[in-house]
Amino acid sequence: MEYISTRGGTTRFSAAEAIKQGIAPDGGLLVPVEIPLLELDEITRMADLDYAERAVAILALYLTDYSRSELTEYVDLAYSEERFSPAPAPLLQLNQYVDREYILELWHGPTAAFKDIALQLLPYLMKAAVEKTGDRSRVCILTATSGDTGKAALEGFRDVEGTSVIVFYPDQGVSEAQRLQMVTQEGDNCHVFAVSGSFDDAQNGVKAIFNDRELGLELQEKGILLSSANSINWGRLVPQIVYYFSAYADLIKREKVEPGEKINIVVPTGNFGNILAAWYAHRMGLPVGKLICASNKNRVLSDFFRTGLYDRRRNFFKTNSPSMDILISSNLERLLFEMTGRDSRRVNDWMQQLQREGFYQVDPATLHSLQDIFVGGFANEGGTLKTIREVYDRTDHLVDTHTAVGFNVYSRYAARSGDQSKTVFVSTASPLKFGAAVGDAIFGRGYSKGRSDSHLLEELAEESGHEIPPTLQDLSKREIRHSKVIDKEDMKQTVRDLLGGRLD
């Protein structure tokens, strides 16, 4: 399988090259030259496989310059019982008396967030990619995070030989648990900086660094290669396709769906990577009715799927679902490339207009194609807290704020559409990772005020029966190792200074 840029050009890249460089040289995103198709009987046979075997089956279709034995080794290491308990992506029925609603819990890894599923595997893929391409460079993973990607990347690449990690996160724009997870990160090759601004500021800064030819040559002379752990990197995105097939295989195995029966998938969405992975699964043959794209008060995606106008010229809100506080959803570019019949000229024009003017409008035909499969909606902060309580009362299942946004948006879609399809809700983080908001939802608004995070975690764990994930235990007592706050204009110089002399 080879890869091409969404912005055009004739150059093709191997899977190893795509993973190693993360982003296309022209600033576009790399996509497979074709999307492989699975027959229904192939999907049905996955019911008899465990998660690791399902992962190898899907990954092998895209990462063709990796041998099957290599993929098996990497998957077994990444998804070991020591890293994921009880499993990487368990599918649970929300109510034993209702066989229509299921929750796909993706937060049972080392950092209690769904990013672990990809970022525990990516270091193995990255290290092999460098070797396969004959490159002797030191790889620097450069990442902007809205809360979860940063910690997952730091943990995944911590002390991996030949790599270093630089993470930028928005100052005051992540939860306290997310912040403490990052600033207490151990590892000699890990570096974390808060950026004065929003996630979009941090993400734009990282993109500018990748597109700076002068800096790239300067680092190349020092034997350093920049790559990304954000979902702009295909190596981050492709492992996420797996768990949608795995969820469907579990439904077949439990005789909850007939093979070929369409399901809905609800995904809380910020940078659009997680729901894009669901769309790739759909295009590969997974029977999907609707993909419900759930946004918070930063409703740029909700508005886009309703009108076809992508417009970031709006107020930015810091919400109780901070990982979705995003106005520029990078992975939408990949979807538009596919929905326009791979018209790179149109995609390039839209992306350039977004950069110059802050908006673009897709044509009616493209919008119609999008609306055939996607449903957009949003929830405000009050609605999010109310939904956490409602889901808990109805199912005895505690969810975090991001997952609650998905439930909130879906409930309104189901009411107006009458759609009775079986539905999988993607749960992206442990509810204990957002203790203050979840505590207010369960115990009453204002309950968290004056209470320590550790106390809230203990109360929520006792109330819900959840165990406190090791990554969240005693966070406030750990040593602060990364305390610098920088202006967004200083990101490039920070990378230059850091890589210029102290990572040899």
Protein backbone atom coordinates (compact mmCIF):
# COMPACT_ATOMS: atom_id res chain seq x y z
CA MET A 1 0.00 0.00 0.00
CA GLU A 2 1.32 3.43 -0.97
CA TYR A 3 0.27 6.86 0.26
CA ILE A 4 -0.39 10.20 -1.42
CA SER A 5 -1.01 13.75 -0.24
CA THR A 6 -4.44 15.34 0.01
CA ARG A 7 -2.93 18.46 -1.57
CA GLY A 8 -1.85 16.81 -4.83
CA GLY A 9 1.51 15.94 -6.30
CA THR A 10 2.69 12.76 -7.94
CA THR A 11 4.98 11.47 -5.19
CA ARG A 12 3.96 8.22 -3.56
CA PHE A 13 5.20 7.09 -0.17
CA SER A 14 5.49 3.69 1.45
CA ALA A 15 3.68 3.04 4.72
CA ALA A 16 6.98 3.33 6.59
CA GLU A 17 7.73 6.66 4.92
CA ALA A 18 4.23 7.93 5.71
CA ILE A 19 4.55 7.02 9.38
CA LYS A 20 8.09 8.36 9.69
CA GLN A 21 7.37 11.81 8.30
CA GLY A 22 3.84 12.20 9.66
CA ILE A 23 2.77 14.92 7.25
CA ALA A 24 3.21 15.32 3.48
CA PRO A 25 5.99 17.62 2.23
CA ASP A 26 3.39 19.94 0.66
CA GLY A 27 1.59 20.36 3.97
CA GLY A 28 -1.21 17.96 3.11
CA LEU A 29 -2.18 14.79 4.95
CA LEU A 30 -1.18 11.36 3.72
CA VAL A 31 -3.89 8.90 2.69
CA PRO A 32 -3.73 5.38 1.18
CA VAL A 33 -3.88 5.24 -2.60
CA GLU A 34 -6.89 2.98 -2.21
CA ILE A 35 -9.14 1.92 0.63
CA PRO A 36 -9.18 -1.87 0.99
CA LEU A 37 -12.55 -3.61 1.06
CA LEU A 38 -13.60 -6.44 3.36
CA GLU A 39 -16.33 -8.90 2.45
CA LEU A 40 -19.03 -9.50 5.03
CA ASP A 41 -17.83 -13.04 5.70
CA GLU A 42 -14.34 -11.67 6.48
CA ILE A 43 -15.84 -9.30 9.05
CA THR A 44 -17.98 -12.10 10.48
CA ARG A 45 -14.94 -14.34 10.93
CA MET A 46 -13.39 -11.67 13.17
CA ALA A 47 -15.90 -12.71 15.83
CA ASP A 48 -13.70 -15.74 16.52
CA LEU A 49 -10.52 -13.64 16.92
CA ASP A 50 -9.19 -11.80 19.94
CA TYR A 51 -8.45 -8.08 19.77
CA ALA A 52 -4.79 -8.50 18.86
CA GLU A 53 -5.65 -10.83 15.98
CA ARG A 54 -8.30 -8.41 14.71
CA ALA A 55 -5.74 -5.60 14.86
CA VAL A 56 -3.17 -7.52 12.82
CA ALA A 57 -5.81 -8.37 10.21
CA ILE A 58 -6.71 -4.70 9.67
CA LEU A 59 -3.23 -3.24 9.99
CA ALA A 60 -1.82 -5.72 7.47
CA LEU A 61 -4.12 -4.27 4.80
CA TYR A 62 -2.57 -0.81 5.14
CA LEU A 63 0.98 -1.38 6.40
CA THR A 64 2.11 -3.69 3.63
CA ASP A 65 5.83 -3.05 4.02
CA TYR A 66 5.63 -4.44 7.55
CA SER A 67 5.62 -8.23 7.71
CA ARG A 68 2.76 -10.01 9.42
CA SER A 69 5.17 -11.36 12.02
CA GLU A 70 6.37 -7.81 12.76
CA LEU A 71 2.83 -6.55 13.17
CA THR A 72 1.96 -9.49 15.42
CA GLU A 73 4.99 -8.78 17.61
CA TYR A 74 4.24 -5.07 17.89
CA VAL A 75 0.54 -5.59 18.58
CA ASP A 76 1.22 -8.20 21.26
CA LEU A 77 3.64 -5.83 22.98
CA ALA A 78 1.39 -2.79 22.69
CA TYR A 79 -1.79 -4.49 23.87
CA SER A 80 -0.38 -6.67 26.63
CA GLU A 81 -2.36 -7.31 29.79
CA GLU A 82 0.14 -5.18 31.71
CA ARG A 83 -0.81 -2.15 29.60
CA PHE A 84 -4.52 -2.70 29.03
CA SER A 85 -6.92 -4.13 31.58
CA PRO A 86 -9.38 -5.78 31.14
CA ALA A 87 -8.92 -5.32 27.36
CA PRO A 88 -7.98 -2.58 24.87
CA ALA A 89 -11.54 -1.94 23.69
CA PRO A 90 -14.24 -3.74 25.68
CA LEU A 91 -17.81 -3.42 24.39
CA LEU A 92 -20.45 -3.28 27.11
CA GLN A 93 -24.23 -3.42 26.89
CA LEU A 94 -25.53 -0.37 28.74
CA ASN A 95 -28.68 -2.01 30.08
CA GLN A 96 -29.25 -5.75 30.19
CA TYR A 97 -32.92 -5.24 29.36
CA VAL A 98 -32.25 -3.04 26.30
CA ASP A 99 -30.22 -4.60 23.51
CA ARG A 100 -30.04 -1.43 21.41
CA GLU A 101 -27.32 0.59 23.21
CA TYR A 102 -23.66 -0.35 23.72
CA ILE A 103 -20.64 1.52 24.95
CA LEU A 104 -17.15 1.01 23.54
CA GLU A 105 -14.73 1.81 26.36
CA LEU A 106 -11.41 2.92 24.94
CA TRP A 107 -9.75 4.20 28.11
CA HIS A 108 -8.34 1.11 29.80
CA GLY A 109 -4.74 1.87 28.85
CA PRO A 110 -1.82 3.54 30.63
CA THR A 111 -3.17 7.12 30.51
CA ALA A 112 -6.91 6.41 30.84
CA ALA A 113 -7.79 7.85 27.41
CA PHE A 114 -8.55 6.42 23.97
CA LYS A 115 -5.32 7.79 22.50
CA ASP A 116 -3.45 4.95 24.23
CA ILE A 117 -4.74 2.40 21.75
CA ALA A 118 -2.84 4.08 18.93
CA LEU A 119 0.01 5.61 20.90
CA GLN A 120 1.09 2.41 22.60
CA LEU A 121 1.54 0.91 19.12
CA LEU A 122 3.00 3.90 17.27
CA PRO A 123 6.48 3.79 18.87
CA TYR A 124 7.02 0.27 17.52
CA LEU A 125 5.77 1.28 14.08
CA MET A 126 7.88 4.45 14.14
CA LYS A 127 11.11 2.77 15.18
CA ALA A 128 10.66 0.12 12.50
CA ALA A 129 9.80 2.80 9.92
CA VAL A 130 13.09 4.58 10.50
CA GLU A 131 14.98 1.31 10.11
CA LYS A 132 13.05 0.26 7.01
CA THR A 133 13.80 3.53 5.23
CA GLY A 134 17.51 3.35 6.06
CA ASP A 135 17.34 6.56 8.07
CA ARG A 136 19.75 7.03 10.96
CA SER A 137 18.17 10.22 12.19
CA ARG A 138 16.95 10.75 15.71
CA VAL A 139 13.17 11.12 15.57
CA CYS A 140 11.57 13.95 17.48
CA ILE A 141 7.83 13.50 18.03
CA LEU A 142 6.34 16.99 17.94
CA THR A 143 2.75 17.16 19.15
CA ALA A 144 0.05 19.65 20.06
CA THR A 145 -2.54 18.35 22.48
CA SER A 146 -5.95 19.35 23.75
CA GLY A 147 -5.38 17.15 26.76
CA ASP A 148 -5.08 13.42 26.05
CA THR A 149 -2.77 13.00 23.05
CA GLY A 150 0.10 14.68 24.87
CA LYS A 151 0.19 12.34 27.84
CA ALA A 152 -0.39 9.28 25.65
CA ALA A 153 2.48 10.30 23.34
CA LEU A 154 4.78 11.02 26.27
CA GLU A 155 4.00 7.68 27.86
CA GLY A 156 4.25 5.77 24.59
CA PHE A 157 7.63 7.21 23.56
CA ARG A 158 9.12 7.60 27.04
CA ASP A 159 12.77 6.50 26.95
CA VAL A 160 12.34 4.82 23.54
CA GLU A 161 15.82 4.70 22.06
CA GLY A 162 16.43 7.10 19.19
CA THR A 163 13.41 9.28 19.93
CA SER A 164 12.45 12.38 21.84
CA VAL A 165 9.02 13.95 22.48
CA ILE A 166 8.00 17.61 22.61
CA VAL A 167 4.42 18.33 23.66
CA PHE A 168 2.65 21.70 23.54
CA TYR A 169 -0.66 22.10 25.39
CA PRO A 170 -2.91 25.15 25.86
CA ASP A 171 -2.27 26.81 29.20
CA GLN A 172 -5.53 26.84 31.21
CA GLY A 173 -7.11 24.72 28.46
CA VAL A 174 -6.94 21.18 29.87
CA SER A 175 -8.37 19.55 32.97
CA GLU A 176 -6.29 19.55 36.13
CA ALA A 177 -5.75 15.80 35.89
CA GLN A 178 -4.62 16.12 32.26
CA ARG A 179 -2.23 18.94 33.18
CA LEU A 180 -0.73 17.03 36.10
CA GLN A 181 -0.32 13.91 33.99
CA MET A 182 1.82 15.88 31.54
CA VAL A 183 3.82 18.14 33.85
CA THR A 184 4.83 15.22 36.09
CA GLN A 185 5.87 13.03 33.14
CA GLU A 186 9.08 11.09 33.68
CA GLY A 187 11.53 10.21 30.93
CA ASP A 188 14.80 11.82 29.89
CA ASN A 189 13.51 12.28 26.33
CA CYS A 190 10.21 13.96 27.31
CA HIS A 191 9.62 17.73 27.12
CA VAL A 192 6.36 19.56 27.87
CA PHE A 193 5.42 23.21 27.39
CA ALA A 194 2.24 25.13 28.13
CA VAL A 195 1.30 27.63 25.41
CA SER A 196 -0.50 30.88 26.14
CA GLY A 197 -3.54 30.42 23.93
CA SER A 198 -5.91 27.73 22.71
CA PHE A 199 -5.33 24.27 21.27
CA ASP A 200 -5.76 25.75 17.80
CA ASP A 201 -2.86 28.12 18.55
CA ALA A 202 -0.70 25.19 19.61
CA GLN A 203 -1.75 23.09 16.62
CA ASN A 204 -1.13 25.92 14.16
CA GLY A 205 2.28 26.44 15.71
CA VAL A 206 3.18 22.79 15.27
CA LYS A 207 2.00 22.82 11.65
CA ALA A 208 4.10 25.92 10.99
CA ILE A 209 7.15 24.15 12.40
CA PHE A 210 6.59 21.15 10.14
CA ASN A 211 6.21 23.43 7.13
CA ASP A 212 9.34 25.50 7.89
CA ARG A 213 11.85 24.33 5.27
CA GLU A 214 14.73 26.27 6.79
CA LEU A 215 14.22 24.71 10.19
CA GLY A 216 13.81 21.29 8.61
CA LEU A 217 17.16 21.57 6.84
CA GLU A 218 18.78 22.87 9.99
CA LEU A 219 17.55 19.88 11.98
CA GLN A 220 18.43 17.50 9.16
CA GLU A 221 22.03 18.66 9.39
CA LYS A 222 21.95 17.76 13.06
CA GLY A 223 20.55 14.30 12.28
CA ILE A 224 17.07 15.05 13.62
CA LEU A 225 13.79 14.17 11.91
CA LEU A 226 10.50 15.71 13.00
CA SER A 227 7.41 13.53 13.08
CA SER A 228 4.01 13.71 14.74
CA ALA A 229 1.90 11.70 17.17
CA ASN A 230 -1.23 13.68 16.37
CA SER A 231 -3.82 11.98 14.20
CA ILE A 232 -2.42 13.86 11.22
CA ASN A 233 0.04 10.93 11.23
CA TRP A 234 -1.45 7.92 9.46
CA GLY A 235 0.32 5.68 11.97
CA ARG A 236 -1.82 7.26 14.69
CA LEU A 237 -5.04 6.94 12.72
CA VAL A 238 -4.89 3.41 11.33
CA PRO A 239 -4.92 1.58 14.72
CA GLN A 240 -8.15 3.43 15.52
CA ILE A 241 -9.92 1.78 12.58
CA VAL A 242 -9.46 -1.56 14.32
CA TYR A 243 -11.73 -1.02 17.29
CA TYR A 244 -14.78 -0.27 15.15
CA PHE A 245 -14.43 -3.63 13.43
CA SER A 246 -13.78 -5.21 16.82
CA ALA A 247 -16.99 -3.72 18.26
CA TYR A 248 -19.04 -5.10 15.36
CA ALA A 249 -17.36 -8.50 15.68
CA ASP A 250 -18.27 -8.54 19.37
CA LEU A 251 -21.90 -7.77 18.52
CA ILE A 252 -21.95 -10.69 16.08
CA LYS A 253 -20.26 -12.99 18.59
CA ARG A 254 -22.91 -12.17 21.22
CA GLU A 255 -25.70 -12.55 18.64
CA LYS A 256 -26.78 -8.94 19.12
CA VAL A 257 -26.73 -8.18 15.39
CA GLU A 258 -27.17 -10.25 12.28
CA PRO A 259 -24.13 -10.06 9.98
CA GLY A 260 -24.74 -7.15 7.64
CA GLU A 261 -27.13 -5.33 10.01
CA LYS A 262 -26.25 -1.65 10.09
CA ILE A 263 -25.33 0.07 13.34
CA ASN A 264 -24.93 3.70 14.34
CA ILE A 265 -21.71 4.95 15.92
CA VAL A 266 -21.60 8.01 18.18
CA VAL A 267 -18.24 9.74 18.51
CA PRO A 268 -17.42 12.83 20.61
CA THR A 269 -15.26 14.80 18.23
CA GLY A 270 -12.62 17.51 18.29
CA ASN A 271 -9.81 17.07 15.77
CA PHE A 272 -11.95 14.60 13.77
CA GLY A 273 -9.49 11.71 13.85
CA ASN A 274 -11.56 9.25 15.87
CA ILE A 275 -14.71 9.60 13.82
CA LEU A 276 -12.68 9.62 10.60
CA ALA A 277 -11.36 6.19 11.60
CA ALA A 278 -15.00 5.07 11.89
CA TRP A 279 -15.65 6.44 8.41
CA TYR A 280 -12.68 4.49 7.01
CA ALA A 281 -14.12 1.35 8.63
CA HIS A 282 -17.45 2.14 6.95
CA ARG A 283 -15.77 2.58 3.55
CA MET A 284 -13.96 -0.72 4.06
CA GLY A 285 -17.30 -2.51 4.39
CA LEU A 286 -18.36 -2.17 8.01
CA PRO A 287 -22.18 -1.96 8.04
CA VAL A 288 -22.85 1.57 9.33
CA GLY A 289 -26.08 3.52 9.18
CA LYS A 290 -25.07 6.88 10.64
CA LEU A 291 -21.93 8.36 12.14
CA ILE A 292 -23.03 10.85 14.78
CA CYS A 293 -20.44 13.61 15.17
CA ALA A 294 -20.90 15.12 18.64
CA SER A 295 -19.39 18.52 19.45
CA ASN A 296 -19.39 20.71 22.53
CA LYS A 297 -20.09 24.46 22.58
CA ASN A 298 -17.29 24.90 20.04
CA ARG A 299 -19.75 23.71 17.43
CA VAL A 300 -17.82 24.34 14.22
CA LEU A 301 -18.29 20.73 13.05
CA SER A 302 -21.97 20.65 13.96
CA ASP A 303 -22.56 23.77 11.91
CA PHE A 304 -20.48 22.41 9.05
CA PHE A 305 -22.47 19.21 8.68
CA ARG A 306 -25.68 21.23 8.70
CA THR A 307 -24.69 23.99 6.24
CA GLY A 308 -21.47 23.01 4.47
CA LEU A 309 -19.81 26.17 5.80
CA TYR A 310 -16.67 25.60 7.85
CA ASP A 311 -16.13 28.83 9.74
CA ARG A 312 -13.62 29.24 12.55
CA ARG A 313 -14.34 32.98 12.78
CA ARG A 314 -16.22 32.66 16.04
CA ASN A 315 -15.76 32.88 19.76
CA PHE A 316 -13.67 30.13 21.32
CA PHE A 317 -15.05 28.54 24.50
CA LYS A 318 -13.26 26.69 27.26
CA THR A 319 -15.65 23.97 28.35
CA ASN A 320 -15.93 21.02 30.72
CA SER A 321 -15.01 18.73 27.78
CA PRO A 322 -11.61 20.35 27.08
CA SER A 323 -10.27 17.73 24.66
CA MET A 324 -12.93 18.93 22.21
CA ASP A 325 -12.20 22.65 22.60
CA ILE A 326 -11.05 22.94 18.99
CA LEU A 327 -12.02 25.17 16.06
CA ILE A 328 -9.74 23.70 13.38
CA SER A 329 -10.39 19.97 12.88
CA SER A 330 -7.36 18.88 10.88
CA ASN A 331 -8.56 15.43 9.84
CA LEU A 332 -11.59 16.83 8.06
CA GLU A 333 -9.20 17.45 5.17
CA ARG A 334 -8.83 13.70 4.62
CA LEU A 335 -12.59 13.23 4.53
CA LEU A 336 -13.09 16.07 2.05
CA PHE A 337 -10.41 14.58 -0.19
CA GLU A 338 -12.35 11.31 -0.34
CA MET A 339 -15.81 12.89 -0.60
CA THR A 340 -14.79 15.00 -3.59
CA GLY A 341 -13.49 12.01 -5.54
CA ARG A 342 -9.93 12.83 -4.44
CA ASP A 343 -10.02 16.30 -5.96
CA SER A 344 -6.81 17.67 -4.45
CA ARG A 345 -7.21 21.03 -6.21
CA ARG A 346 -10.52 21.73 -4.49
CA VAL A 347 -9.20 20.50 -1.13
CA ASN A 348 -6.10 22.64 -1.45
CA ASP A 349 -8.22 25.70 -2.31
CA TRP A 350 -10.44 25.14 0.72
CA MET A 351 -7.50 24.66 3.08
CA GLN A 352 -5.75 27.76 1.75
CA GLN A 353 -8.94 29.78 2.13
CA LEU A 354 -9.33 28.54 5.70
CA GLN A 355 -5.81 29.67 6.49
CA ARG A 356 -6.20 33.06 4.78
CA GLU A 357 -9.80 33.99 5.55
CA GLY A 358 -10.91 31.63 8.31
CA PHE A 359 -13.66 29.81 6.42
CA TYR A 360 -14.64 27.82 3.34
CA GLN A 361 -17.92 26.60 1.85
CA VAL A 362 -18.18 23.19 0.22
CA ASP A 363 -20.37 22.67 -2.84
CA PRO A 364 -23.92 21.23 -2.53
CA ALA A 365 -22.96 17.83 -3.97
CA THR A 366 -20.20 17.37 -1.41
CA LEU A 367 -22.48 18.48 1.41
CA HIS A 368 -25.16 16.01 0.30
CA SER A 369 -22.60 13.18 0.30
CA LEU A 370 -21.50 14.14 3.81
CA GLN A 371 -25.05 14.25 5.12
CA ASP A 372 -25.77 10.78 3.75
CA ILE A 373 -23.58 9.29 6.47
CA PHE A 374 -22.81 12.01 9.04
CA VAL A 375 -25.11 13.64 11.58
CA GLY A 376 -23.76 16.63 13.48
CA GLY A 377 -24.91 18.02 16.81
CA PHE A 378 -23.61 19.79 19.90
CA ALA A 379 -24.19 20.00 23.64
CA ASN A 380 -23.49 22.88 26.01
CA GLU A 381 -21.90 22.47 29.44
CA GLY A 382 -25.16 22.32 31.33
CA GLY A 383 -26.52 19.70 28.99
CA THR A 384 -23.32 17.70 29.37
CA LEU A 385 -23.59 17.57 33.16
CA LYS A 386 -27.29 16.73 33.00
CA THR A 387 -26.55 13.88 30.61
CA ILE A 388 -23.88 12.39 32.90
CA ARG A 389 -26.49 12.17 35.64
CA GLU A 390 -29.19 10.82 33.32
CA VAL A 391 -26.95 8.09 31.91
CA TYR A 392 -25.87 7.11 35.42
CA ASP A 393 -29.44 6.99 36.71
CA ARG A 394 -30.65 5.01 33.71
CA THR A 395 -27.78 2.54 33.30
CA ASP A 396 -25.59 2.70 36.45
CA HIS A 397 -22.79 3.60 34.04
CA LEU A 398 -20.59 6.59 34.83
CA VAL A 399 -19.25 8.47 31.80
CA ASP A 400 -16.87 11.37 31.38
CA THR A 401 -17.82 14.75 29.96
CA HIS A 402 -16.76 13.99 26.37
CA THR A 403 -18.67 10.72 26.24
CA ALA A 404 -21.67 12.54 27.74
CA VAL A 405 -21.62 14.99 24.84
CA GLY A 406 -22.09 12.00 22.55
CA PHE A 407 -25.04 10.68 24.54
CA ASN A 408 -26.62 14.15 24.61
CA VAL A 409 -26.38 14.66 20.86
CA TYR A 410 -27.57 11.14 20.10
CA SER A 411 -30.66 11.44 22.29
CA ARG A 412 -31.89 14.40 20.26
CA TYR A 413 -31.05 12.70 16.96
CA ALA A 414 -32.95 9.56 17.99
CA ALA A 415 -35.98 11.57 19.15
CA ARG A 416 -36.36 13.50 15.92
CA SER A 417 -35.42 10.69 13.51
CA GLY A 418 -37.09 7.71 15.14
CA ASP A 419 -33.96 5.70 14.25
CA GLN A 420 -34.06 2.44 16.23
CA SER A 421 -30.77 1.03 14.94
CA LYS A 422 -28.43 -0.57 17.42
CA THR A 423 -25.93 2.06 18.48
CA VAL A 424 -22.36 2.04 19.77
CA PHE A 425 -21.32 5.00 21.93
CA VAL A 426 -17.58 5.64 21.90
CA SER A 427 -16.30 6.36 25.41
CA THR A 428 -13.05 8.26 25.11
CA ALA A 429 -11.77 8.78 28.67
CA SER A 430 -12.17 7.52 32.21
CA PRO A 431 -14.81 9.55 34.06
CA LEU A 432 -12.32 9.88 36.91
CA LYS A 433 -10.05 11.91 34.66
CA PHE A 434 -12.54 14.79 34.84
CA GLY A 435 -13.40 14.50 38.50
CA ALA A 436 -14.59 18.06 39.13
CA ALA A 437 -17.16 18.12 36.33
CA VAL A 438 -18.32 14.54 36.86
CA GLY A 439 -18.54 15.15 40.60
CA ASP A 440 -20.76 18.19 40.03
CA ALA A 441 -22.95 16.13 37.73
CA ILE A 442 -23.38 13.24 40.16
CA PHE A 443 -23.39 14.95 43.56
CA GLY A 444 -24.80 18.35 42.64
CA ARG A 445 -23.60 21.50 40.92
CA GLY A 446 -20.84 23.23 42.89
CA TYR A 447 -20.01 20.06 44.81
CA SER A 448 -16.41 19.98 43.61
CA LYS A 449 -15.63 23.50 44.79
CA GLY A 450 -13.09 23.40 47.60
CA ARG A 451 -12.54 19.66 47.30
CA SER A 452 -9.21 18.27 46.19
CA ASP A 453 -8.96 16.19 43.03
CA SER A 454 -7.75 13.19 45.03
CA HIS A 455 -10.77 13.42 47.35
CA LEU A 456 -13.15 13.70 44.40
CA LEU A 457 -11.56 10.67 42.74
CA GLU A 458 -12.02 8.59 45.86
CA GLU A 459 -15.67 9.63 46.20
CA LEU A 460 -16.46 8.98 42.54
CA ALA A 461 -14.67 5.64 42.62
CA GLU A 462 -16.64 4.56 45.68
CA GLU A 463 -19.93 5.79 44.20
CA SER A 464 -19.48 4.17 40.80
CA GLY A 465 -17.43 1.08 41.58
CA HIS A 466 -14.64 2.22 39.27
CA GLU A 467 -11.06 1.59 40.30
CA ILE A 468 -8.85 4.66 40.22
CA PRO A 469 -6.47 4.17 37.26
CA PRO A 470 -2.80 4.05 38.32
CA THR A 471 -2.05 7.05 36.10
CA LEU A 472 -4.42 9.19 38.23
CA GLN A 473 -3.39 7.96 41.66
CA ASP A 474 -1.57 10.52 43.83
CA LEU A 475 -1.11 12.89 40.90
CA SER A 476 -0.94 15.97 43.14
CA LYS A 477 1.94 14.43 45.12
CA ARG A 478 4.20 13.81 42.13
CA GLU A 479 7.17 16.00 41.28
CA ILE A 480 6.51 18.77 38.76
CA ARG A 481 9.10 18.26 36.02
CA HIS A 482 7.81 20.58 33.28
CA SER A 483 6.66 24.05 34.30
CA LYS A 484 7.48 26.40 31.43
CA VAL A 485 4.76 28.54 29.85
CA ILE A 486 5.62 30.11 26.50
CA ASP A 487 3.94 32.45 24.03
CA LYS A 488 2.61 30.83 20.86
CA GLU A 489 5.03 32.96 18.84
CA ASP A 490 7.93 31.30 20.67
CA MET A 491 7.11 27.69 19.82
CA LYS A 492 9.44 27.47 16.84
CA GLN A 493 12.36 28.98 18.70
CA THR A 494 11.70 26.67 21.63
CA VAL A 495 12.00 23.66 19.33
CA ARG A 496 15.11 25.10 17.69
CA ASP A 497 16.80 25.73 21.04
CA LEU A 498 15.83 22.38 22.47
CA LEU A 499 16.83 20.30 19.48
CA GLY A 500 19.87 22.41 18.76
CA GLY A 501 21.98 21.14 21.55
CA ARG A 502 20.39 19.25 24.36
CA LEU A 503 18.96 16.12 22.78
CA ASP A 504 22.17 14.60 21.44
